[in-house]
Structures are given as structure tokens and as C-alpha cells.
Amino acid sequence: MASVFPPPSLTRKIPEQNHDVFLSFRGLDTRYNFTSHLYAALTRHQIKTYIDNELERGNEISHSLLRAINHAKLSIIVFSENYASSRWCLEELVSILKCKKDDGQILVPIFYHVNPTNVRNQTGSYGVALAEHEKRSDMNKVQTWRIALTEAANLSGWNCLGTGNESELVEQIAKDILQKLESITSRGLEGRINTYKQIAQQKQEKSLRTGNLADMEELITTLYQLAELKLEKASSSNDWSVWSDVIGTHERILQLKLDKWMRTYSAKDLEDIKDARNHLLHFFENIPTTFAR
């Protein structure tokens, strides 16, 4: 094989995906009413949902929350009266839309006691909130938030203006989410592999074009996700070429990591490579004995 370095453990570098849905909301507005009822309805339908239970948060979105967004198949955004007053919520929104664009993540907006037009055009409480942000934040960042709000509000979603039975509404939403997730699954493993191959190709072209380390990291993350899908396929296959394809993807990841280290010479990147060596050995040890060489 081309590389002597083993691919790193996926579980070490990318946290295990244990949720399908990410729930974004303004805690002060809906945590103990609508959002808690929606989360309960999703749970009743056995939909694994990530909900942030931190009561106090700063202005900057955490890395763990970014990973949770990245690993979701679908995100729900509960646009409430004061959603836009939170920098954290707005950063979540931008990250979710990026996943929608890059990875095909589904986004379902819910307009809770707020008119979609106010979200789309940043009027009413949304206009007030964005005006306040402009006094304290970089104008480019605020413009990014405005664009994100407009884009999300233009998507098909759910209106909850307080005129109907809320318990019935959350049940309808949960069933809709379940159908959307089942639709994703019905595309089949091979379809998801092909989708990630296309995404990886796009990110590789971007990385080569920009030479940016951040773009290289995005490519590596996508390749990890692709390798995970290929491993799922290999686990039920008796074809050595399928396992070989998994190894080939890991070798590609390792080469990118080596390329990155050659540009940075950072201790962190070197440790990353060392960790990768140790984990390829573990990978080979767990290949079915039928394929032992």
C-alpha cells in the first residue's frame, strides 16, 4: 500500500454522531414552553435530537456546538421574538446554513409568535436587535447575519402565531421531521456515499484554488465522513476491494495531514500524525480475518 501511516480513528477525531436533529432556539423565549414541548414530541417519535441545555452562554459559539451542528442531518430553528438579539443564535444560524449549502443538511424554520416577514426583512423586534448589534459588532458580521435571516425566512417552514392548539402543532412538526429523516435514509447508503464524494471533490477543488488551511481542514472533515460511510458499507461486504477503498480514503486523509504539517510544522499537527499512525494499526487489526494478508 502507498502509505505506511495508518488512518486515524474516526471516533477520536470526529465525535460519534448520536443525533439526527439539531434544535436552535432562544432559551429565554421558548426553553420552558414551546421548545420543551417540541423536544418531547421529537423524542416520542424516537428522533434523536441535540438540544443545548446551557442556560448561560457567551457571545462566541463553542466548538462542541459547531460539531453538533455539523453532524446533524436536519436542523430546526425556532425563530422567536428575541432570537435575533442573541449573537450566539445568529452564529448558530450561519453555521446551519453553511451545512445546508456544503453538505445538503435540511433546514426547517419555525416562526413562533413572530411574523416571517419580520425575520426576512429584519423589521419589528428583529430590526431593533440588528440595529443594536450594529452598535457593538463588526458591520460585515452583522450583514452576514442579515443575509442568513433573509435566506432562512425564505424557506418553507411552520407558522406558530398562537392562534391554534400548540400540542397538535408540535405533533405535526415532529411527524414532518420524521418523514424528512426517513426520506434521507431511503436514499440508501450508496447514494450518501456518492453525495459525500461530490462534496469532497468540490472542497478539494476549493482547497487547491485557495491554498487556505481552513479549506484543507474542511476537506479532511468531509473525507472522514466519507470514510465512515464506506466503512459502514464494508462492514457488510465480503469484497476486499470495498475494504481497500476505505483504506484508500484514510491514506488520502493522511497525505493531507502530512501536507498540512509540512506547511505549519506545528506540534499539534505532528501529534495528530503520530496519533494517526497508532490508530491505523488498530484499524488493520480489526479487518475481518478473511482478508488478512
C-alpha atoms as a PDB file:
ATOM      1  CA  MET A   1       0.000   0.000   0.000  1.00  0.00           C
ATOM      2  CA  ALA A   2       1.112   3.528  -0.730  1.00  0.00           C
ATOM      3  CA  SER A   3       1.284   4.839   2.819  1.00  0.00           C
ATOM      4  CA  VAL A   4       2.955   3.431   5.910  1.00  0.00           C
ATOM      5  CA  PHE A   5       0.858   5.625   8.153  1.00  0.00           C
ATOM      6  CA  PRO A   6      -2.423   4.269   9.473  1.00  0.00           C
ATOM      7  CA  PRO A   7      -5.635   6.254   9.209  1.00  0.00           C
ATOM      8  CA  PRO A   8      -6.710   7.767  12.500  1.00  0.00           C
ATOM      9  CA  SER A   9      -9.657   6.576  14.483  1.00  0.00           C
ATOM     10  CA  LEU A  10     -12.793   8.322  13.337  1.00  0.00           C
ATOM     11  CA  THR A  11     -14.156   8.330  16.835  1.00  0.00           C
ATOM     12  CA  ARG A  12     -11.128  10.193  18.104  1.00  0.00           C
ATOM     13  CA  LYS A  13     -11.153  12.960  15.501  1.00  0.00           C
ATOM     14  CA  ILE A  14     -14.869  13.280  14.810  1.00  0.00           C
ATOM     15  CA  PRO A  15     -17.228  12.768  17.749  1.00  0.00           C
ATOM     16  CA  GLU A  16     -19.683   9.946  17.235  1.00  0.00           C
ATOM     17  CA  GLN A  17     -22.881  11.147  15.634  1.00  0.00           C
ATOM     18  CA  ASN A  18     -25.576  10.268  18.146  1.00  0.00           C
ATOM     19  CA  HIS A  19     -28.261  12.673  16.968  1.00  0.00           C
ATOM     20  CA  ASP A  20     -30.084  13.320  13.711  1.00  0.00           C
ATOM     21  CA  VAL A  21     -31.594  16.720  14.506  1.00  0.00           C
ATOM     22  CA  PHE A  22     -30.110  19.940  15.863  1.00  0.00           C
ATOM     23  CA  LEU A  23     -32.503  22.299  17.631  1.00  0.00           C
ATOM     24  CA  SER A  24     -31.663  26.030  17.594  1.00  0.00           C
ATOM     25  CA  PHE A  25     -33.718  28.368  19.798  1.00  0.00           C
ATOM     26  CA  ARG A  26     -33.563  31.417  22.067  1.00  0.00           C
ATOM     27  CA  GLY A  27     -33.637  29.916  25.546  1.00  0.00           C
ATOM     28  CA  LEU A  28     -35.160  32.905  27.312  1.00  0.00           C
ATOM     29  CA  ASP A  29     -38.097  32.846  24.887  1.00  0.00           C
ATOM     30  CA  THR A  30     -39.031  29.200  24.455  1.00  0.00           C
ATOM     31  CA  ARG A  31     -36.892  26.826  26.548  1.00  0.00           C
ATOM     32  CA  TYR A  32     -39.620  26.012  29.079  1.00  0.00           C
ATOM     33  CA  ASN A  33     -42.621  26.134  26.766  1.00  0.00           C
ATOM     34  CA  PHE A  34     -42.694  25.580  23.010  1.00  0.00           C
ATOM     35  CA  THR A  35     -39.173  24.176  22.593  1.00  0.00           C
ATOM     36  CA  SER A  36     -39.529  21.756  25.504  1.00  0.00           C
ATOM     37  CA  HIS A  37     -42.849  20.535  24.061  1.00  0.00           C
ATOM     38  CA  LEU A  38     -41.315  20.137  20.607  1.00  0.00           C
ATOM     39  CA  TYR A  39     -38.320  18.254  22.010  1.00  0.00           C
ATOM     40  CA  ALA A  40     -40.691  15.926  23.881  1.00  0.00           C
ATOM     41  CA  ALA A  41     -42.672  15.257  20.689  1.00  0.00           C
ATOM     42  CA  LEU A  42     -39.492  14.502  18.735  1.00  0.00           C
ATOM     43  CA  THR A  43     -38.384  12.139  21.497  1.00  0.00           C
ATOM     44  CA  ARG A  44     -41.740  10.319  21.440  1.00  0.00           C
ATOM     45  CA  HIS A  45     -41.118   9.640  17.756  1.00  0.00           C
ATOM     46  CA  GLN A  46     -37.652   8.321  18.649  1.00  0.00           C
ATOM     47  CA  ILE A  47     -35.945  11.158  16.780  1.00  0.00           C
ATOM     48  CA  LYS A  48     -32.513  11.714  18.286  1.00  0.00           C
ATOM     49  CA  THR A  49     -32.304  15.439  18.845  1.00  0.00           C
ATOM     50  CA  TYR A  50     -29.466  17.621  20.120  1.00  0.00           C
ATOM     51  CA  ILE A  51     -30.642  20.365  22.453  1.00  0.00           C
ATOM     52  CA  ASP A  52     -28.249  22.770  24.161  1.00  0.00           C
ATOM     53  CA  ASN A  53     -29.056  22.810  27.866  1.00  0.00           C
ATOM     54  CA  GLU A  54     -26.603  25.538  28.816  1.00  0.00           C
ATOM     55  CA  LEU A  55     -28.573  28.313  30.494  1.00  0.00           C
ATOM     56  CA  GLU A  56     -25.838  30.946  30.268  1.00  0.00           C
ATOM     57  CA  ARG A  57     -23.763  31.414  27.156  1.00  0.00           C
ATOM     58  CA  GLY A  58     -21.293  33.954  25.881  1.00  0.00           C
ATOM     59  CA  ASN A  59     -21.157  35.613  22.501  1.00  0.00           C
ATOM     60  CA  GLU A  60     -18.965  33.068  20.720  1.00  0.00           C
ATOM     61  CA  ILE A  61     -20.362  29.738  19.611  1.00  0.00           C
ATOM     62  CA  SER A  62     -18.453  26.779  21.102  1.00  0.00           C
ATOM     63  CA  HIS A  63     -16.546  24.157  19.110  1.00  0.00           C
ATOM     64  CA  SER A  64     -18.695  21.386  20.597  1.00  0.00           C
ATOM     65  CA  LEU A  65     -21.837  23.118  19.385  1.00  0.00           C
ATOM     66  CA  LEU A  66     -20.342  23.563  15.917  1.00  0.00           C
ATOM     67  CA  ARG A  67     -19.618  19.823  15.807  1.00  0.00           C
ATOM     68  CA  ALA A  68     -23.188  19.091  16.884  1.00  0.00           C
ATOM     69  CA  ILE A  69     -24.496  21.220  14.012  1.00  0.00           C
ATOM     70  CA  ASN A  70     -22.121  19.606  11.516  1.00  0.00           C
ATOM     71  CA  HIS A  71     -23.164  16.085  12.500  1.00  0.00           C
ATOM     72  CA  ALA A  72     -26.917  16.674  12.217  1.00  0.00           C
ATOM     73  CA  LYS A  73     -28.898  15.556   9.193  1.00  0.00           C
ATOM     74  CA  LEU A  74     -31.554  18.195   9.833  1.00  0.00           C
ATOM     75  CA  SER A  75     -31.721  21.422  11.829  1.00  0.00           C
ATOM     76  CA  ILE A  76     -34.786  23.105  13.288  1.00  0.00           C
ATOM     77  CA  ILE A  77     -34.658  26.820  14.015  1.00  0.00           C
ATOM     78  CA  VAL A  78     -37.294  28.284  16.318  1.00  0.00           C
ATOM     79  CA  PHE A  79     -37.482  31.947  15.363  1.00  0.00           C
ATOM     80  CA  SER A  80     -38.992  33.688  18.383  1.00  0.00           C
ATOM     81  CA  GLU A  81     -39.416  37.348  19.357  1.00  0.00           C
ATOM     82  CA  ASN A  82     -35.887  37.759  20.730  1.00  0.00           C
ATOM     83  CA  TYR A  83     -33.985  35.191  18.659  1.00  0.00           C
ATOM     84  CA  ALA A  84     -32.033  37.872  16.785  1.00  0.00           C
ATOM     85  CA  SER A  85     -30.953  39.601  19.997  1.00  0.00           C
ATOM     86  CA  SER A  86     -28.598  36.680  20.682  1.00  0.00           C
ATOM     87  CA  ARG A  87     -25.268  36.717  18.846  1.00  0.00           C
ATOM     88  CA  TRP A  88     -24.980  33.034  19.747  1.00  0.00           C
ATOM     89  CA  CYS A  89     -28.260  32.176  17.982  1.00  0.00           C
ATOM     90  CA  LEU A  90     -27.240  34.180  14.923  1.00  0.00           C
ATOM     91  CA  GLU A  91     -23.906  32.368  14.743  1.00  0.00           C
ATOM     92  CA  GLU A  92     -25.751  29.047  15.013  1.00  0.00           C
ATOM     93  CA  LEU A  93     -27.939  30.146  12.112  1.00  0.00           C
ATOM     94  CA  VAL A  94     -24.934  30.995   9.936  1.00  0.00           C
ATOM     95  CA  SER A  95     -23.314  27.624  10.716  1.00  0.00           C
ATOM     96  CA  ILE A  96     -26.535  25.741   9.926  1.00  0.00           C
ATOM     97  CA  LEU A  97     -26.907  27.492   6.581  1.00  0.00           C
ATOM     98  CA  LYS A  98     -23.292  26.641   5.774  1.00  0.00           C
ATOM     99  CA  CYS A  99     -24.067  22.950   6.426  1.00  0.00           C
ATOM    100  CA  LYS A 100     -27.142  23.269   4.243  1.00  0.00           C
ATOM    101  CA  LYS A 101     -25.023  24.658   1.411  1.00  0.00           C
ATOM    102  CA  ASP A 102     -21.979  22.406   1.786  1.00  0.00           C
ATOM    103  CA  ASP A 103     -23.485  19.129   2.986  1.00  0.00           C
ATOM    104  CA  GLY A 104     -27.129  19.259   1.970  1.00  0.00           C
ATOM    105  CA  GLN A 105     -28.398  19.478   5.551  1.00  0.00           C
ATOM    106  CA  ILE A 106     -32.157  20.066   5.738  1.00  0.00           C
ATOM    107  CA  LEU A 107     -33.307  23.244   7.489  1.00  0.00           C
ATOM    108  CA  VAL A 108     -36.814  23.601   8.921  1.00  0.00           C
ATOM    109  CA  PRO A 109     -37.701  27.089  10.235  1.00  0.00           C
ATOM    110  CA  ILE A 110     -40.463  27.582  12.797  1.00  0.00           C
ATOM    111  CA  PHE A 111     -41.859  31.082  13.324  1.00  0.00           C
ATOM    112  CA  TYR A 112     -43.024  31.151  16.938  1.00  0.00           C
ATOM    113  CA  HIS A 113     -45.220  34.179  17.679  1.00  0.00           C
ATOM    114  CA  VAL A 114     -43.269  36.150  15.078  1.00  0.00           C
ATOM    115  CA  ASN A 115     -44.167  37.098  11.515  1.00  0.00           C
ATOM    116  CA  PRO A 116     -41.850  35.535   8.908  1.00  0.00           C
ATOM    117  CA  THR A 117     -41.745  38.935   7.191  1.00  0.00           C
ATOM    118  CA  ASN A 118     -40.080  40.446  10.264  1.00  0.00           C
ATOM    119  CA  VAL A 119     -37.397  37.771  10.103  1.00  0.00           C
ATOM    120  CA  ARG A 120     -36.976  38.055   6.332  1.00  0.00           C
ATOM    121  CA  ASN A 121     -36.719  41.864   6.263  1.00  0.00           C
ATOM    122  CA  GLN A 122     -35.362  42.401   9.786  1.00  0.00           C
ATOM    123  CA  THR A 123     -38.248  44.571  10.908  1.00  0.00           C
ATOM    124  CA  GLY A 124     -40.052  44.707  14.248  1.00  0.00           C
ATOM    125  CA  SER A 125     -38.045  43.158  17.088  1.00  0.00           C
ATOM    126  CA  TYR A 126     -35.581  41.780  14.534  1.00  0.00           C
ATOM    127  CA  GLY A 127     -34.890  45.255  13.201  1.00  0.00           C
ATOM    128  CA  VAL A 128     -34.309  46.567  16.709  1.00  0.00           C
ATOM    129  CA  ALA A 129     -31.969  43.668  17.557  1.00  0.00           C
ATOM    130  CA  LEU A 130     -29.866  44.073  14.404  1.00  0.00           C
ATOM    131  CA  ALA A 131     -29.610  47.831  14.958  1.00  0.00           C
ATOM    132  CA  GLU A 132     -28.245  47.146  18.452  1.00  0.00           C
ATOM    133  CA  HIS A 133     -25.738  44.652  17.052  1.00  0.00           C
ATOM    134  CA  GLU A 134     -24.528  47.266  14.598  1.00  0.00           C
ATOM    135  CA  LYS A 135     -23.518  49.472  17.538  1.00  0.00           C
ATOM    136  CA  ARG A 136     -21.370  46.746  19.095  1.00  0.00           C
ATOM    137  CA  SER A 137     -20.286  44.390  16.311  1.00  0.00           C
ATOM    138  CA  ASP A 138     -18.367  44.438  13.072  1.00  0.00           C
ATOM    139  CA  MET A 139     -20.625  45.638  10.254  1.00  0.00           C
ATOM    140  CA  ASN A 140     -19.565  42.777   7.979  1.00  0.00           C
ATOM    141  CA  LYS A 141     -20.634  40.250  10.611  1.00  0.00           C
ATOM    142  CA  VAL A 142     -23.984  41.958  11.075  1.00  0.00           C
ATOM    143  CA  GLN A 143     -24.503  41.937   7.305  1.00  0.00           C
ATOM    144  CA  THR A 144     -23.778  38.201   7.314  1.00  0.00           C
ATOM    145  CA  TRP A 145     -26.475  37.748   9.961  1.00  0.00           C
ATOM    146  CA  ARG A 146     -28.949  39.800   7.932  1.00  0.00           C
ATOM    147  CA  ILE A 147     -28.349  37.685   4.835  1.00  0.00           C
ATOM    148  CA  ALA A 148     -28.715  34.485   6.871  1.00  0.00           C
ATOM    149  CA  LEU A 149     -32.022  35.618   8.391  1.00  0.00           C
ATOM    150  CA  THR A 150     -33.393  36.501   4.969  1.00  0.00           C
ATOM    151  CA  GLU A 151     -32.295  33.190   3.468  1.00  0.00           C
ATOM    152  CA  ALA A 152     -33.751  31.101   6.290  1.00  0.00           C
ATOM    153  CA  ALA A 153     -37.049  33.020   6.335  1.00  0.00           C
ATOM    154  CA  ASN A 154     -37.478  32.344   2.611  1.00  0.00           C
ATOM    155  CA  LEU A 155     -37.549  28.595   3.254  1.00  0.00           C
ATOM    156  CA  SER A 156     -40.751  26.663   3.716  1.00  0.00           C
ATOM    157  CA  GLY A 157     -41.478  26.266   7.410  1.00  0.00           C
ATOM    158  CA  TRP A 158     -44.091  26.324  10.151  1.00  0.00           C
ATOM    159  CA  ASN A 159     -46.036  29.319  11.494  1.00  0.00           C
ATOM    160  CA  CYS A 160     -46.976  29.277  15.150  1.00  0.00           C
ATOM    161  CA  LEU A 161     -48.746  32.577  15.838  1.00  0.00           C
ATOM    162  CA  GLY A 162     -50.564  31.417  18.951  1.00  0.00           C
ATOM    163  CA  THR A 163     -53.932  31.004  17.245  1.00  0.00           C
ATOM    164  CA  GLY A 164     -54.068  27.196  17.222  1.00  0.00           C
ATOM    165  CA  ASN A 165     -53.572  24.216  19.506  1.00  0.00           C
ATOM    166  CA  GLU A 166     -49.848  24.148  20.277  1.00  0.00           C
ATOM    167  CA  SER A 167     -49.781  20.487  21.341  1.00  0.00           C
ATOM    168  CA  GLU A 168     -51.276  19.469  17.991  1.00  0.00           C
ATOM    169  CA  LEU A 169     -48.817  21.695  16.144  1.00  0.00           C
ATOM    170  CA  VAL A 170     -45.699  20.209  17.756  1.00  0.00           C
ATOM    171  CA  GLU A 171     -47.026  16.733  16.982  1.00  0.00           C
ATOM    172  CA  GLN A 172     -47.492  17.696  13.310  1.00  0.00           C
ATOM    173  CA  ILE A 173     -43.991  19.158  13.205  1.00  0.00           C
ATOM    174  CA  ALA A 174     -42.476  16.020  14.753  1.00  0.00           C
ATOM    175  CA  LYS A 175     -44.221  13.811  12.168  1.00  0.00           C
ATOM    176  CA  ASP A 176     -42.959  16.081   9.373  1.00  0.00           C
ATOM    177  CA  ILE A 177     -39.401  15.853  10.711  1.00  0.00           C
ATOM    178  CA  LEU A 178     -39.691  12.067  10.912  1.00  0.00           C
ATOM    179  CA  GLN A 179     -40.820  11.893   7.271  1.00  0.00           C
ATOM    180  CA  LYS A 180     -37.936  14.086   6.171  1.00  0.00           C
ATOM    181  CA  LEU A 181     -35.415  11.913   8.021  1.00  0.00           C
ATOM    182  CA  GLU A 182     -36.932   8.745   6.550  1.00  0.00           C
ATOM    183  CA  SER A 183     -36.609  10.313   3.116  1.00  0.00           C
ATOM    184  CA  ILE A 184     -32.897  10.857   3.730  1.00  0.00           C
ATOM    185  CA  THR A 185     -32.461   7.237   4.824  1.00  0.00           C
ATOM    186  CA  SER A 186     -34.402   5.912   1.849  1.00  0.00           C
ATOM    187  CA  ARG A 187     -31.795   7.344  -0.496  1.00  0.00           C
ATOM    188  CA  GLY A 188     -29.609   4.446   0.585  1.00  0.00           C
ATOM    189  CA  LEU A 189     -26.036   4.127   1.718  1.00  0.00           C
ATOM    190  CA  GLU A 190     -24.660   4.162  -1.811  1.00  0.00           C
ATOM    191  CA  GLY A 191     -26.461   7.425  -2.517  1.00  0.00           C
ATOM    192  CA  ARG A 192     -24.999   9.042   0.599  1.00  0.00           C
ATOM    193  CA  ILE A 193     -21.524   7.839  -0.359  1.00  0.00           C
ATOM    194  CA  ASN A 194     -21.894   9.384  -3.804  1.00  0.00           C
ATOM    195  CA  THR A 195     -23.153  12.632  -2.265  1.00  0.00           C
ATOM    196  CA  TYR A 196     -20.110  12.892   0.009  1.00  0.00           C
ATOM    197  CA  LYS A 197     -17.810  12.031  -2.873  1.00  0.00           C
ATOM    198  CA  GLN A 198     -19.213  15.027  -4.751  1.00  0.00           C
ATOM    199  CA  ILE A 199     -18.873  17.268  -1.703  1.00  0.00           C
ATOM    200  CA  ALA A 200     -15.273  16.098  -1.179  1.00  0.00           C
ATOM    201  CA  GLN A 201     -14.475  16.839  -4.814  1.00  0.00           C
ATOM    202  CA  GLN A 202     -15.884  20.350  -4.503  1.00  0.00           C
ATOM    203  CA  LYS A 203     -13.932  21.006  -1.306  1.00  0.00           C
ATOM    204  CA  GLN A 204     -10.752  19.625  -2.836  1.00  0.00           C
ATOM    205  CA  GLU A 205     -11.091  21.980  -5.785  1.00  0.00           C
ATOM    206  CA  LYS A 206     -11.669  24.887  -3.420  1.00  0.00           C
ATOM    207  CA  SER A 207      -8.679  23.907  -1.268  1.00  0.00           C
ATOM    208  CA  LEU A 208      -6.412  23.701  -4.303  1.00  0.00           C
ATOM    209  CA  ARG A 209      -7.711  27.017  -5.577  1.00  0.00           C
ATOM    210  CA  THR A 210      -7.324  28.970  -2.333  1.00  0.00           C
ATOM    211  CA  GLY A 211      -4.432  27.155  -0.656  1.00  0.00           C
ATOM    212  CA  ASN A 212      -6.177  28.011   2.609  1.00  0.00           C
ATOM    213  CA  LEU A 213      -5.526  25.752   5.621  1.00  0.00           C
ATOM    214  CA  ALA A 214      -9.117  26.183   6.797  1.00  0.00           C
ATOM    215  CA  ASP A 215     -10.344  24.851   3.438  1.00  0.00           C
ATOM    216  CA  MET A 216      -7.958  21.910   3.790  1.00  0.00           C
ATOM    217  CA  GLU A 217      -9.411  21.165   7.235  1.00  0.00           C
ATOM    218  CA  GLU A 218     -12.933  21.194   5.788  1.00  0.00           C
ATOM    219  CA  LEU A 219     -11.830  18.728   3.126  1.00  0.00           C
ATOM    220  CA  ILE A 220     -10.297  16.446   5.760  1.00  0.00           C
ATOM    221  CA  THR A 221     -13.520  16.539   7.813  1.00  0.00           C
ATOM    222  CA  THR A 222     -15.597  15.617   4.758  1.00  0.00           C
ATOM    223  CA  LEU A 223     -13.239  12.761   3.918  1.00  0.00           C
ATOM    224  CA  TYR A 224     -13.615  11.426   7.465  1.00  0.00           C
ATOM    225  CA  GLN A 225     -17.392  11.423   6.987  1.00  0.00           C
ATOM    226  CA  LEU A 226     -16.984   9.699   3.620  1.00  0.00           C
ATOM    227  CA  ALA A 227     -14.688   7.089   5.175  1.00  0.00           C
ATOM    228  CA  GLU A 228     -17.273   6.437   7.888  1.00  0.00           C
ATOM    229  CA  LEU A 229     -19.922   5.715   5.255  1.00  0.00           C
ATOM    230  CA  LYS A 230     -17.537   3.498   3.297  1.00  0.00           C
ATOM    231  CA  LEU A 231     -16.727   1.593   6.478  1.00  0.00           C
ATOM    232  CA  GLU A 232     -20.448   1.053   7.066  1.00  0.00           C
ATOM    233  CA  LYS A 233     -20.654  -0.435   3.576  1.00  0.00           C
ATOM    234  CA  ALA A 234     -17.528  -2.565   4.061  1.00  0.00           C
ATOM    235  CA  SER A 235     -18.794  -3.983   7.357  1.00  0.00           C
ATOM    236  CA  SER A 236     -21.491  -5.898   5.480  1.00  0.00           C
ATOM    237  CA  SER A 237     -19.363  -6.810   2.467  1.00  0.00           C
ATOM    238  CA  ASN A 238     -17.206  -9.813   1.602  1.00  0.00           C
ATOM    239  CA  ASP A 239     -15.405  -7.899  -1.131  1.00  0.00           C
ATOM    240  CA  TRP A 240     -11.792  -6.956  -0.349  1.00  0.00           C
ATOM    241  CA  SER A 241     -11.959  -4.040  -2.805  1.00  0.00           C
ATOM    242  CA  VAL A 242     -14.594  -2.379  -0.611  1.00  0.00           C
ATOM    243  CA  TRP A 243     -12.286  -2.540   2.408  1.00  0.00           C
ATOM    244  CA  SER A 244      -9.423  -1.359   0.244  1.00  0.00           C
ATOM    245  CA  ASP A 245     -11.492   1.673  -0.708  1.00  0.00           C
ATOM    246  CA  VAL A 246     -11.863   2.578   2.965  1.00  0.00           C
ATOM    247  CA  ILE A 247      -8.092   2.326   3.424  1.00  0.00           C
ATOM    248  CA  GLY A 248      -7.533   4.448   0.316  1.00  0.00           C
ATOM    249  CA  THR A 249      -9.687   7.227   1.728  1.00  0.00           C
ATOM    250  CA  HIS A 250      -7.752   7.130   5.000  1.00  0.00           C
ATOM    251  CA  GLU A 251      -4.466   7.293   3.101  1.00  0.00           C
ATOM    252  CA  ARG A 252      -5.730  10.365   1.311  1.00  0.00           C
ATOM    253  CA  ILE A 253      -6.589  11.936   4.658  1.00  0.00           C
ATOM    254  CA  LEU A 254      -3.140  11.113   5.997  1.00  0.00           C
ATOM    255  CA  GLN A 255      -1.465  12.655   2.991  1.00  0.00           C
ATOM    256  CA  LEU A 256      -3.443  15.854   3.557  1.00  0.00           C
ATOM    257  CA  LYS A 257      -2.421  15.859   7.213  1.00  0.00           C
ATOM    258  CA  LEU A 258       1.211  15.429   6.209  1.00  0.00           C
ATOM    259  CA  ASP A 259       0.881  18.230   3.675  1.00  0.00           C
ATOM    260  CA  LYS A 260      -0.594  20.447   6.347  1.00  0.00           C
ATOM    261  CA  TRP A 261       2.207  19.687   8.797  1.00  0.00           C
ATOM    262  CA  MET A 262       4.792  20.451   6.102  1.00  0.00           C
ATOM    263  CA  ARG A 263       3.273  23.917   5.886  1.00  0.00           C
ATOM    264  CA  THR A 264       2.835  24.603   9.592  1.00  0.00           C
ATOM    265  CA  TYR A 265       5.449  22.462  11.377  1.00  0.00           C
ATOM    266  CA  SER A 266       3.206  22.842  14.399  1.00  0.00           C
ATOM    267  CA  ALA A 267       3.474  20.491  17.375  1.00  0.00           C
ATOM    268  CA  LYS A 268      -0.275  19.927  17.291  1.00  0.00           C
ATOM    269  CA  ASP A 269      -0.234  18.750  13.666  1.00  0.00           C
ATOM    270  CA  LEU A 270       2.733  16.480  14.388  1.00  0.00           C
ATOM    271  CA  GLU A 271       0.909  14.898  17.315  1.00  0.00           C
ATOM    272  CA  ASP A 272      -2.063  14.425  15.030  1.00  0.00           C
ATOM    273  CA  ILE A 273       0.076  12.396  12.630  1.00  0.00           C
ATOM    274  CA  LYS A 274       1.572  10.316  15.446  1.00  0.00           C
ATOM    275  CA  ASP A 275      -1.895   9.566  16.734  1.00  0.00           C
ATOM    276  CA  ALA A 276      -2.892   8.552  13.208  1.00  0.00           C
ATOM    277  CA  ARG A 277      -0.075   6.003  12.995  1.00  0.00           C
ATOM    278  CA  ASN A 278      -1.207   4.256  16.140  1.00  0.00           C
ATOM    279  CA  HIS A 279      -4.811   4.066  15.024  1.00  0.00           C
ATOM    280  CA  LEU A 280      -4.192   2.576  11.580  1.00  0.00           C
ATOM    281  CA  LEU A 281      -2.644  -0.422  13.324  1.00  0.00           C
ATOM    282  CA  HIS A 282      -5.877  -0.782  15.277  1.00  0.00           C
ATOM    283  CA  PHE A 283      -7.843  -0.465  12.027  1.00  0.00           C
ATOM    284  CA  PHE A 284      -5.912  -3.258  10.322  1.00  0.00           C
ATOM    285  CA  GLU A 285      -6.203  -5.478  13.377  1.00  0.00           C
ATOM    286  CA  ASN A 286      -9.992  -5.251  13.115  1.00  0.00           C
ATOM    287  CA  ILE A 287     -10.308  -6.064   9.407  1.00  0.00           C
ATOM    288  CA  PRO A 288     -12.092  -9.449   9.108  1.00  0.00           C
ATOM    289  CA  THR A 289      -9.625 -12.324   9.123  1.00  0.00           C
ATOM    290  CA  THR A 290     -10.992 -13.381   5.731  1.00  0.00           C
ATOM    291  CA  PHE A 291      -8.995 -10.501   4.272  1.00  0.00           C
ATOM    292  CA  ALA A 292      -5.859 -10.911   6.364  1.00  0.00           C
ATOM    293  CA  ARG A 293      -2.743 -10.542   4.238  1.00  0.00           C
END
